[in-house]
Amino acid sequence: NEPMTRGQIDEMRGVESAFVIRKLLAKGLIKESGKSEMPGH
């Protein structure tokens, strides 16, 4: 579904994903690809 925001990921999983996203960023498996046009960007 990329690109996706953390909120969208949390909504699909039904649980908080911040820790997992941090680990995946550290492992280099995902990366930031910009800012969404949604409120709060």
PDB file of all heavy atoms in Angstrom:
ATOM      1  N   ASN A   1       0.801  -1.225   0.000  1.00  0.00           N
ATOM      2  CA  ASN A   1       0.000   0.000   0.000  1.00  0.00           C
ATOM      3  C   ASN A   1       0.836   1.278   0.000  1.00  0.00           C
ATOM      4  O   ASN A   1       0.295   2.348   0.225  1.00  0.00           O
ATOM      5  CB  ASN A   1      -0.911   0.029   1.234  1.00  0.00           C
ATOM      6  CG  ASN A   1      -1.815  -1.160   1.303  1.00  0.00           C
ATOM      7  OD1 ASN A   1      -2.754  -1.270   0.547  1.00  0.00           O
ATOM      8  ND2 ASN A   1      -1.511  -2.087   2.203  1.00  0.00           N
ATOM      9  N   GLU A   2       2.138   1.185  -0.212  1.00  0.00           N
ATOM     10  CA  GLU A   2       2.998   2.353  -0.042  1.00  0.00           C
ATOM     11  C   GLU A   2       2.689   3.477  -1.011  1.00  0.00           C
ATOM     12  O   GLU A   2       2.180   3.205  -2.110  1.00  0.00           O
ATOM     13  CB  GLU A   2       4.473   1.944  -0.130  1.00  0.00           C
ATOM     14  CG  GLU A   2       4.949   1.429  -1.440  1.00  0.00           C
ATOM     15  CD  GLU A   2       6.386   0.923  -1.353  1.00  0.00           C
ATOM     16  OE1 GLU A   2       6.889   0.614  -0.258  1.00  0.00           O
ATOM     17  OE2 GLU A   2       7.003   0.852  -2.408  1.00  0.00           O
ATOM     18  N   PRO A   3       2.979   4.694  -0.592  1.00  0.00           N
ATOM     19  CA  PRO A   3       3.465   5.105   0.727  1.00  0.00           C
ATOM     20  C   PRO A   3       2.314   5.176   1.734  1.00  0.00           C
ATOM     21  O   PRO A   3       1.171   5.402   1.359  1.00  0.00           O
ATOM     22  CB  PRO A   3       4.049   6.487   0.459  1.00  0.00           C
ATOM     23  CG  PRO A   3       3.241   7.035  -0.662  1.00  0.00           C
ATOM     24  CD  PRO A   3       2.863   5.846  -1.506  1.00  0.00           C
ATOM     25  N   MET A   4       2.656   4.987   3.002  1.00  0.00           N
ATOM     26  CA  MET A   4       1.656   4.978   4.070  1.00  0.00           C
ATOM     27  C   MET A   4       2.151   5.752   5.279  1.00  0.00           C
ATOM     28  O   MET A   4       3.341   5.775   5.553  1.00  0.00           O
ATOM     29  CB  MET A   4       1.358   3.545   4.507  1.00  0.00           C
ATOM     30  CG  MET A   4       0.681   2.713   3.449  1.00  0.00           C
ATOM     31  SD  MET A   4      -0.044   1.243   4.159  1.00  0.00           S
ATOM     32  CE  MET A   4      -1.435   1.906   5.039  1.00  0.00           C
ATOM     33  N   THR A   5       1.209   6.324   6.019  1.00  0.00           N
ATOM     34  CA  THR A   5       1.542   6.995   7.276  1.00  0.00           C
ATOM     35  C   THR A   5       1.459   5.979   8.413  1.00  0.00           C
ATOM     36  O   THR A   5       0.842   4.920   8.268  1.00  0.00           O
ATOM     37  CB  THR A   5       0.557   8.142   7.575  1.00  0.00           C
ATOM     38  OG1 THR A   5      -0.738   7.592   7.813  1.00  0.00           O
ATOM     39  CG2 THR A   5       0.522   9.169   6.450  1.00  0.00           C
ATOM     40  N   ARG A   6       2.054   6.323   9.537  1.00  0.00           N
ATOM     41  CA  ARG A   6       1.979   5.434  10.693  1.00  0.00           C
ATOM     42  C   ARG A   6       0.529   5.255  11.132  1.00  0.00           C
ATOM     43  O   ARG A   6       0.116   4.159  11.509  1.00  0.00           O
ATOM     44  CB  ARG A   6       2.817   5.978  11.849  1.00  0.00           C
ATOM     45  CG  ARG A   6       2.972   4.940  12.954  1.00  0.00           C
ATOM     46  CD  ARG A   6       3.688   5.478  14.130  1.00  0.00           C
ATOM     47  NE  ARG A   6       2.696   6.147  14.956  1.00  0.00           N
ATOM     48  CZ  ARG A   6       2.965   7.051  15.858  1.00  0.00           C
ATOM     49  NH1 ARG A   6       4.182   7.444  16.061  1.00  0.00           N
ATOM     50  NH2 ARG A   6       2.008   7.606  16.562  1.00  0.00           N
ATOM     51  N   GLY A   7      -0.258   6.311  11.063  1.00  0.00           N
ATOM     52  CA  GLY A   7      -1.672   6.218  11.439  1.00  0.00           C
ATOM     53  C   GLY A   7      -2.423   5.230  10.570  1.00  0.00           C
ATOM     54  O   GLY A   7      -3.265   4.470  11.065  1.00  0.00           O
ATOM     55  N   GLN A   8      -2.150   5.237   9.268  1.00  0.00           N
ATOM     56  CA  GLN A   8      -2.808   4.293   8.365  1.00  0.00           C
ATOM     57  C   GLN A   8      -2.391   2.857   8.690  1.00  0.00           C
ATOM     58  O   GLN A   8      -3.214   1.938   8.656  1.00  0.00           O
ATOM     59  CB  GLN A   8      -2.462   4.626   6.913  1.00  0.00           C
ATOM     60  CG  GLN A   8      -3.056   5.928   6.427  1.00  0.00           C
ATOM     61  CD  GLN A   8      -2.497   6.361   5.082  1.00  0.00           C
ATOM     62  OE1 GLN A   8      -1.302   6.210   4.806  1.00  0.00           O
ATOM     63  NE2 GLN A   8      -3.370   6.916   4.254  1.00  0.00           N
ATOM     64  N   ILE A   9      -1.117   2.678   8.997  1.00  0.00           N
ATOM     65  CA  ILE A   9      -0.615   1.346   9.355  1.00  0.00           C
ATOM     66  C   ILE A   9      -1.274   0.874  10.647  1.00  0.00           C
ATOM     67  O   ILE A   9      -1.760  -0.258  10.737  1.00  0.00           O
ATOM     68  CB  ILE A   9       0.923   1.357   9.494  1.00  0.00           C
ATOM     69  CG1 ILE A   9       1.575   1.698   8.150  1.00  0.00           C
ATOM     70  CG2 ILE A   9       1.434   0.032  10.040  1.00  0.00           C
ATOM     71  CD1 ILE A   9       3.031   2.109   8.245  1.00  0.00           C
ATOM     72  N   ASP A  10      -1.321   1.761  11.655  1.00  0.00           N
ATOM     73  CA  ASP A  10      -1.956   1.429  12.934  1.00  0.00           C
ATOM     74  C   ASP A  10      -3.411   1.044  12.727  1.00  0.00           C
ATOM     75  O   ASP A  10      -3.909   0.095  13.334  1.00  0.00           O
ATOM     76  CB  ASP A  10      -1.890   2.615  13.899  1.00  0.00           C
ATOM     77  CG  ASP A  10      -0.492   2.930  14.371  1.00  0.00           C
ATOM     78  OD1 ASP A  10       0.435   2.142  14.117  1.00  0.00           O
ATOM     79  OD2 ASP A  10      -0.318   3.995  15.009  1.00  0.00           O
ATOM     80  N   GLU A  11      -4.099   1.776  11.864  1.00  0.00           N
ATOM     81  CA  GLU A  11      -5.507   1.510  11.609  1.00  0.00           C
ATOM     82  C   GLU A  11      -5.691   0.129  10.977  1.00  0.00           C
ATOM     83  O   GLU A  11      -6.581  -0.630  11.356  1.00  0.00           O
ATOM     84  CB  GLU A  11      -6.077   2.588  10.691  1.00  0.00           C
ATOM     85  CG  GLU A  11      -7.578   2.496  10.511  1.00  0.00           C
ATOM     86  CD  GLU A  11      -8.114   3.645   9.684  1.00  0.00           C
ATOM     87  OE1 GLU A  11      -7.601   4.772   9.792  1.00  0.00           O
ATOM     88  OE2 GLU A  11      -9.055   3.383   8.910  1.00  0.00           O
ATOM     89  N   MET A  12      -4.842  -0.218  10.037  1.00  0.00           N
ATOM     90  CA  MET A  12      -4.954  -1.534   9.387  1.00  0.00           C
ATOM     91  C   MET A  12      -4.636  -2.670  10.353  1.00  0.00           C
ATOM     92  O   MET A  12      -5.278  -3.717  10.313  1.00  0.00           O
ATOM     93  CB  MET A  12      -4.038  -1.604   8.167  1.00  0.00           C
ATOM     94  CG  MET A  12      -4.551  -0.793   6.996  1.00  0.00           C
ATOM     95  SD  MET A  12      -3.559  -1.030   5.529  1.00  0.00           S
ATOM     96  CE  MET A  12      -4.298  -2.517   4.871  1.00  0.00           C
ATOM     97  N   ARG A  13      -3.631  -2.461  11.209  1.00  0.00           N
ATOM     98  CA  ARG A  13      -3.239  -3.515  12.145  1.00  0.00           C
ATOM     99  C   ARG A  13      -4.134  -3.560  13.366  1.00  0.00           C
ATOM    100  O   ARG A  13      -4.252  -4.593  14.018  1.00  0.00           O
ATOM    101  CB  ARG A  13      -1.794  -3.302  12.620  1.00  0.00           C
ATOM    102  CG  ARG A  13      -0.763  -3.544  11.555  1.00  0.00           C
ATOM    103  CD  ARG A  13       0.641  -3.482  12.116  1.00  0.00           C
ATOM    104  NE  ARG A  13       0.886  -4.603  13.013  1.00  0.00           N
ATOM    105  CZ  ARG A  13       1.504  -4.494  14.180  1.00  0.00           C
ATOM    106  NH1 ARG A  13       1.951  -3.346  14.601  1.00  0.00           N
ATOM    107  NH2 ARG A  13       1.695  -5.558  14.933  1.00  0.00           N
ATOM    108  N   GLY A  14      -4.688  -2.412  13.742  1.00  0.00           N
ATOM    109  CA  GLY A  14      -5.503  -2.342  14.945  1.00  0.00           C
ATOM    110  C   GLY A  14      -4.690  -2.185  16.211  1.00  0.00           C
ATOM    111  O   GLY A  14      -5.228  -2.285  17.310  1.00  0.00           O
ATOM    112  N   VAL A  15      -3.385  -1.965  16.070  1.00  0.00           N
ATOM    113  CA  VAL A  15      -2.505  -1.746  17.226  1.00  0.00           C
ATOM    114  C   VAL A  15      -1.456  -0.694  16.872  1.00  0.00           C
ATOM    115  O   VAL A  15      -1.201  -0.422  15.703  1.00  0.00           O
ATOM    116  CB  VAL A  15      -1.789  -3.041  17.681  1.00  0.00           C
ATOM    117  CG1 VAL A  15      -2.765  -4.058  18.210  1.00  0.00           C
ATOM    118  CG2 VAL A  15      -0.950  -3.630  16.576  1.00  0.00           C
ATOM    119  N   GLU A  16      -0.834  -0.148  17.888  1.00  0.00           N
ATOM    120  CA  GLU A  16       0.227   0.844  17.731  1.00  0.00           C
ATOM    121  C   GLU A  16       1.443   0.210  17.063  1.00  0.00           C
ATOM    122  O   GLU A  16       1.862  -0.874  17.434  1.00  0.00           O
ATOM    123  CB  GLU A  16       0.603   1.380  19.122  1.00  0.00           C
ATOM    124  CG  GLU A  16       1.803   2.253  19.179  1.00  0.00           C
ATOM    125  CD  GLU A  16       1.574   3.614  18.564  1.00  0.00           C
ATOM    126  OE1 GLU A  16       0.472   4.160  18.688  1.00  0.00           O
ATOM    127  OE2 GLU A  16       2.525   4.121  17.956  1.00  0.00           O
ATOM    128  N   SER A  17       2.020   0.888  16.089  1.00  0.00           N
ATOM    129  CA  SER A  17       3.137   0.335  15.315  1.00  0.00           C
ATOM    130  C   SER A  17       4.422   1.154  15.409  1.00  0.00           C
ATOM    131  O   SER A  17       5.380   0.858  14.697  1.00  0.00           O
ATOM    132  CB  SER A  17       2.728   0.220  13.838  1.00  0.00           C
ATOM    133  OG  SER A  17       1.580  -0.563  13.702  1.00  0.00           O
ATOM    134  N   ALA A  18       4.461   2.157  16.263  1.00  0.00           N
ATOM    135  CA  ALA A  18       5.614   3.065  16.315  1.00  0.00           C
ATOM    136  C   ALA A  18       6.922   2.319  16.573  1.00  0.00           C
ATOM    137  O   ALA A  18       7.926   2.566  15.900  1.00  0.00           O
ATOM    138  CB  ALA A  18       5.405   4.141  17.378  1.00  0.00           C
ATOM    139  N   PHE A  19       6.924   1.396  17.532  1.00  0.00           N
ATOM    140  CA  PHE A  19       8.140   0.667  17.870  1.00  0.00           C
ATOM    141  C   PHE A  19       8.613  -0.179  16.690  1.00  0.00           C
ATOM    142  O   PHE A  19       9.793  -0.203  16.354  1.00  0.00           O
ATOM    143  CB  PHE A  19       7.899  -0.217  19.102  1.00  0.00           C
ATOM    144  CG  PHE A  19       9.076  -1.080  19.457  1.00  0.00           C
ATOM    145  CD1 PHE A  19      10.202  -0.523  20.031  1.00  0.00           C
ATOM    146  CD2 PHE A  19       9.067  -2.444  19.195  1.00  0.00           C
ATOM    147  CE1 PHE A  19      11.298  -1.314  20.356  1.00  0.00           C
ATOM    148  CE2 PHE A  19      10.152  -3.236  19.507  1.00  0.00           C
ATOM    149  CZ  PHE A  19      11.277  -2.666  20.094  1.00  0.00           C
ATOM    150  N   VAL A  20       7.693  -0.852  16.037  1.00  0.00           N
ATOM    151  CA  VAL A  20       8.033  -1.710  14.900  1.00  0.00           C
ATOM    152  C   VAL A  20       8.573  -0.863  13.753  1.00  0.00           C
ATOM    153  O   VAL A  20       9.576  -1.221  13.121  1.00  0.00           O
ATOM    154  CB  VAL A  20       6.808  -2.532  14.445  1.00  0.00           C
ATOM    155  CG1 VAL A  20       7.127  -3.359  13.218  1.00  0.00           C
ATOM    156  CG2 VAL A  20       6.320  -3.435  15.575  1.00  0.00           C
ATOM    157  N   ILE A  21       7.938   0.263  13.499  1.00  0.00           N
ATOM    158  CA  ILE A  21       8.405   1.157  12.430  1.00  0.00           C
ATOM    159  C   ILE A  21       9.821   1.637  12.729  1.00  0.00           C
ATOM    160  O   ILE A  21      10.677   1.661  11.847  1.00  0.00           O
ATOM    161  CB  ILE A  21       7.424   2.330  12.236  1.00  0.00           C
ATOM    162  CG1 ILE A  21       6.135   1.808  11.605  1.00  0.00           C
ATOM    163  CG2 ILE A  21       8.040   3.438  11.388  1.00  0.00           C
ATOM    164  CD1 ILE A  21       4.999   2.811  11.544  1.00  0.00           C
ATOM    165  N   ARG A  22      10.077   1.978  13.978  1.00  0.00           N
ATOM    166  CA  ARG A  22      11.428   2.413  14.378  1.00  0.00           C
ATOM    167  C   ARG A  22      12.460   1.327  14.095  1.00  0.00           C
ATOM    168  O   ARG A  22      13.544   1.600  13.577  1.00  0.00           O
ATOM    169  CB  ARG A  22      11.416   2.764  15.871  1.00  0.00           C
ATOM    170  CG  ARG A  22      12.121   4.016  16.201  1.00  0.00           C
ATOM    171  CD  ARG A  22      12.065   4.469  17.649  1.00  0.00           C
ATOM    172  NE  ARG A  22      11.829   3.501  18.677  1.00  0.00           N
ATOM    173  CZ  ARG A  22      10.709   3.407  19.383  1.00  0.00           C
ATOM    174  NH1 ARG A  22       9.721   4.207  19.172  1.00  0.00           N
ATOM    175  NH2 ARG A  22      10.581   2.498  20.316  1.00  0.00           N
ATOM    176  N   LYS A  23      12.131   0.081  14.426  1.00  0.00           N
ATOM    177  CA  LYS A  23      13.058  -1.032  14.183  1.00  0.00           C
ATOM    178  C   LYS A  23      13.270  -1.248  12.688  1.00  0.00           C
ATOM    179  O   LYS A  23      14.387  -1.501  12.245  1.00  0.00           O
ATOM    180  CB  LYS A  23      12.546  -2.318  14.840  1.00  0.00           C
ATOM    181  CG  LYS A  23      12.744  -2.329  16.344  1.00  0.00           C
ATOM    182  CD  LYS A  23      12.508  -3.679  16.924  1.00  0.00           C
ATOM    183  CE  LYS A  23      13.725  -4.515  16.683  1.00  0.00           C
ATOM    184  NZ  LYS A  23      13.821  -5.730  17.439  1.00  0.00           N
ATOM    185  N   LEU A  24      12.205  -1.167  11.908  1.00  0.00           N
ATOM    186  CA  LEU A  24      12.328  -1.365  10.459  1.00  0.00           C
ATOM    187  C   LEU A  24      13.136  -0.243   9.819  1.00  0.00           C
ATOM    188  O   LEU A  24      13.908  -0.486   8.882  1.00  0.00           O
ATOM    189  CB  LEU A  24      10.944  -1.480   9.815  1.00  0.00           C
ATOM    190  CG  LEU A  24      10.149  -2.736  10.187  1.00  0.00           C
ATOM    191  CD1 LEU A  24       8.715  -2.646   9.664  1.00  0.00           C
ATOM    192  CD2 LEU A  24      10.835  -3.992   9.677  1.00  0.00           C
ATOM    193  N   LEU A  25      12.983   0.971  10.327  1.00  0.00           N
ATOM    194  CA  LEU A  25      13.805   2.095   9.842  1.00  0.00           C
ATOM    195  C   LEU A  25      15.275   1.838  10.169  1.00  0.00           C
ATOM    196  O   LEU A  25      16.150   2.027   9.322  1.00  0.00           O
ATOM    197  CB  LEU A  25      13.354   3.413  10.480  1.00  0.00           C
ATOM    198  CG  LEU A  25      12.079   4.042   9.927  1.00  0.00           C
ATOM    199  CD1 LEU A  25      11.573   5.135  10.866  1.00  0.00           C
ATOM    200  CD2 LEU A  25      12.308   4.603   8.531  1.00  0.00           C
ATOM    201  N   ALA A  26      15.542   1.393  11.402  1.00  0.00           N
ATOM    202  CA  ALA A  26      16.919   1.129  11.828  1.00  0.00           C
ATOM    203  C   ALA A  26      17.553   0.006  11.008  1.00  0.00           C
ATOM    204  O   ALA A  26      18.753   0.045  10.715  1.00  0.00           O
ATOM    205  CB  ALA A  26      16.963   0.775  13.323  1.00  0.00           C
ATOM    206  N   LYS A  27      16.763  -0.971  10.613  1.00  0.00           N
ATOM    207  CA  LYS A  27      17.269  -2.081   9.805  1.00  0.00           C
ATOM    208  C   LYS A  27      17.368  -1.711   8.327  1.00  0.00           C
ATOM    209  O   LYS A  27      17.884  -2.468   7.519  1.00  0.00           O
ATOM    210  CB  LYS A  27      16.377  -3.308   9.971  1.00  0.00           C
ATOM    211  CG  LYS A  27      16.477  -3.960  11.336  1.00  0.00           C
ATOM    212  CD  LYS A  27      15.559  -5.159  11.423  1.00  0.00           C
ATOM    213  CE  LYS A  27      15.552  -5.799  12.783  1.00  0.00           C
ATOM    214  NZ  LYS A  27      16.741  -6.543  13.103  1.00  0.00           N
ATOM    215  N   GLY A  28      16.828  -0.544   7.959  1.00  0.00           N
ATOM    216  CA  GLY A  28      16.905  -0.089   6.578  1.00  0.00           C
ATOM    217  C   GLY A  28      15.907  -0.761   5.644  1.00  0.00           C
ATOM    218  O   GLY A  28      16.055  -0.687   4.429  1.00  0.00           O
ATOM    219  N   LEU A  29      14.884  -1.416   6.193  1.00  0.00           N
ATOM    220  CA  LEU A  29      13.898  -2.098   5.354  1.00  0.00           C
ATOM    221  C   LEU A  29      12.790  -1.157   4.874  1.00  0.00           C
ATOM    222  O   LEU A  29      12.115  -1.438   3.889  1.00  0.00           O
ATOM    223  CB  LEU A  29      13.306  -3.293   6.095  1.00  0.00           C
ATOM    224  CG  LEU A  29      14.324  -4.387   6.448  1.00  0.00           C
ATOM    225  CD1 LEU A  29      13.683  -5.460   7.307  1.00  0.00           C
ATOM    226  CD2 LEU A  29      14.915  -4.996   5.187  1.00  0.00           C
ATOM    227  N   ILE A  30      12.590  -0.054   5.598  1.00  0.00           N
ATOM    228  CA  ILE A  30      11.671   0.993   5.166  1.00  0.00           C
ATOM    229  C   ILE A  30      12.379   2.328   5.307  1.00  0.00           C
ATOM    230  O   ILE A  30      13.411   2.421   5.975  1.00  0.00           O
ATOM    231  CB  ILE A  30      10.344   1.005   5.966  1.00  0.00           C
ATOM    232  CG1 ILE A  30      10.590   1.300   7.449  1.00  0.00           C
ATOM    233  CG2 ILE A  30       9.583  -0.296   5.767  1.00  0.00           C
ATOM    234  CD1 ILE A  30       9.320   1.520   8.257  1.00  0.00           C
ATOM    235  N   LYS A  31      11.817   3.354   4.673  1.00  0.00           N
ATOM    236  CA  LYS A  31      12.390   4.698   4.779  1.00  0.00           C
ATOM    237  C   LYS A  31      11.278   5.721   4.709  1.00  0.00           C
ATOM    238  O   LYS A  31      10.165   5.424   4.260  1.00  0.00           O
ATOM    239  CB  LYS A  31      13.400   4.942   3.672  1.00  0.00           C
ATOM    240  CG  LYS A  31      12.800   4.982   2.275  1.00  0.00           C
ATOM    241  CD  LYS A  31      13.859   5.229   1.237  1.00  0.00           C
ATOM    242  CE  LYS A  31      13.246   5.255  -0.168  1.00  0.00           C
ATOM    243  NZ  LYS A  31      14.251   5.455  -1.195  1.00  0.00           N
ATOM    244  N   GLU A  32      11.588   6.920   5.182  1.00  0.00           N
ATOM    245  CA  GLU A  32      10.658   8.027   5.065  1.00  0.00           C
ATOM    246  C   GLU A  32      10.667   8.468   3.606  1.00  0.00           C
ATOM    247  O   GLU A  32      11.726   8.587   2.999  1.00  0.00           O
ATOM    248  CB  GLU A  32      11.074   9.170   5.977  1.00  0.00           C
ATOM    249  CG  GLU A  32      10.986   8.820   7.442  1.00  0.00           C
ATOM    250  CD  GLU A  32      11.393   9.964   8.363  1.00  0.00           C
ATOM    251  OE1 GLU A  32      11.602  11.100   7.875  1.00  0.00           O
ATOM    252  OE2 GLU A  32      11.488   9.723   9.573  1.00  0.00           O
ATOM    253  N   SER A  33       9.472   8.714   3.069  1.00  0.00           N
ATOM    254  CA  SER A  33       9.402   9.090   1.652  1.00  0.00           C
ATOM    255  C   SER A  33       8.654  10.394   1.437  1.00  0.00           C
ATOM    256  O   SER A  33       8.086  10.613   0.376  1.00  0.00           O
ATOM    257  CB  SER A  33       8.750   7.966   0.836  1.00  0.00           C
ATOM    258  OG  SER A  33       7.407   7.804   1.231  1.00  0.00           O
ATOM    259  N   GLY A  34       8.627  11.233   2.444  1.00  0.00           N
ATOM    260  CA  GLY A  34       7.964  12.521   2.321  1.00  0.00           C
ATOM    261  C   GLY A  34       6.904  12.709   3.382  1.00  0.00           C
ATOM    262  O   GLY A  34       6.848  11.972   4.358  1.00  0.00           O
ATOM    263  N   LYS A  35       6.073  13.710   3.150  1.00  0.00           N
ATOM    264  CA  LYS A  35       4.991  14.043   4.092  1.00  0.00           C
ATOM    265  C   LYS A  35       3.657  13.933   3.379  1.00  0.00           C
ATOM    266  O   LYS A  35       3.532  14.283   2.209  1.00  0.00           O
ATOM    267  CB  LYS A  35       5.157  15.482   4.603  1.00  0.00           C
ATOM    268  CG  LYS A  35       6.461  15.734   5.332  1.00  0.00           C
ATOM    269  CD  LYS A  35       6.307  15.454   6.774  1.00  0.00           C
ATOM    270  CE  LYS A  35       7.578  15.876   7.515  1.00  0.00           C
ATOM    271  NZ  LYS A  35       7.427  15.752   8.919  1.00  0.00           N
ATOM    272  N   SER A  36       2.662  13.471   4.092  1.00  0.00           N
ATOM    273  CA  SER A  36       1.314  13.349   3.559  1.00  0.00           C
ATOM    274  C   SER A  36       0.657  14.721   3.505  1.00  0.00           C
ATOM    275  O   SER A  36       1.029  15.628   4.241  1.00  0.00           O
ATOM    276  CB  SER A  36       0.499  12.418   4.461  1.00  0.00           C
ATOM    277  OG  SER A  36      -0.866  12.459   4.125  1.00  0.00           O
ATOM    278  N   GLU A  37      -0.346  14.848   2.668  1.00  0.00           N
ATOM    279  CA  GLU A  37      -1.135  16.081   2.595  1.00  0.00           C
ATOM    280  C   GLU A  37      -2.232  16.089   3.659  1.00  0.00           C
ATOM    281  O   GLU A  37      -2.954  17.070   3.791  1.00  0.00           O
ATOM    282  CB  GLU A  37      -1.753  16.226   1.194  1.00  0.00           C
ATOM    283  CG  GLU A  37      -0.723  16.458   0.110  1.00  0.00           C
ATOM    284  CD  GLU A  37       0.091  17.727   0.318  1.00  0.00           C
ATOM    285  OE1 GLU A  37      -0.478  18.773   0.694  1.00  0.00           O
ATOM    286  OE2 GLU A  37       1.326  17.654   0.125  1.00  0.00           O
ATOM    287  N   MET A  38      -2.336  15.023   4.432  1.00  0.00           N
ATOM    288  CA  MET A  38      -3.345  14.929   5.483  1.00  0.00           C
ATOM    289  C   MET A  38      -3.053  15.967   6.555  1.00  0.00           C
ATOM    290  O   MET A  38      -1.920  16.449   6.658  1.00  0.00           O
ATOM    291  CB  MET A  38      -3.329  13.522   6.101  1.00  0.00           C
ATOM    292  CG  MET A  38      -3.722  12.428   5.128  1.00  0.00           C
ATOM    293  SD  MET A  38      -3.371  10.748   5.712  1.00  0.00           S
ATOM    294  CE  MET A  38      -4.046  10.736   7.341  1.00  0.00           C
ATOM    295  N   PRO A  39      -4.052  16.319   7.374  1.00  0.00           N
ATOM    296  CA  PRO A  39      -3.806  17.276   8.457  1.00  0.00           C
ATOM    297  C   PRO A  39      -2.648  16.816   9.337  1.00  0.00           C
ATOM    298  O   PRO A  39      -2.533  15.642   9.675  1.00  0.00           O
ATOM    299  CB  PRO A  39      -5.130  17.273   9.237  1.00  0.00           C
ATOM    300  CG  PRO A  39      -6.151  16.850   8.233  1.00  0.00           C
ATOM    301  CD  PRO A  39      -5.449  15.892   7.312  1.00  0.00           C
ATOM    302  N   GLY A  40      -1.782  17.742   9.668  1.00  0.00           N
ATOM    303  CA  GLY A  40      -0.607  17.424  10.474  1.00  0.00           C
ATOM    304  C   GLY A  40       0.572  16.973   9.645  1.00  0.00           C
ATOM    305  O   GLY A  40       1.670  16.833  10.147  1.00  0.00           O
ATOM    306  N   HIS A  41       0.354  16.709   8.387  1.00  0.00           N
ATOM    307  CA  HIS A  41       1.392  16.273   7.453  1.00  0.00           C
ATOM    308  C   HIS A  41       2.261  15.155   8.023  1.00  0.00           C
ATOM    309  O   HIS A  41       3.468  15.288   8.178  1.00  0.00           O
ATOM    310  CB  HIS A  41       2.261  17.465   7.021  1.00  0.00           C
ATOM    311  CG  HIS A  41       1.472  18.543   6.365  1.00  0.00           C
ATOM    312  ND1 HIS A  41       0.943  18.417   5.107  1.00  0.00           N
ATOM    313  CD2 HIS A  41       1.092  19.767   6.812  1.00  0.00           C
ATOM    314  CE1 HIS A  41       0.282  19.520   4.789  1.00  0.00           C
ATOM    315  NE2 HIS A  41       0.347  20.359   5.814  1.00  0.00           N
TER     316      HIS A  41
END
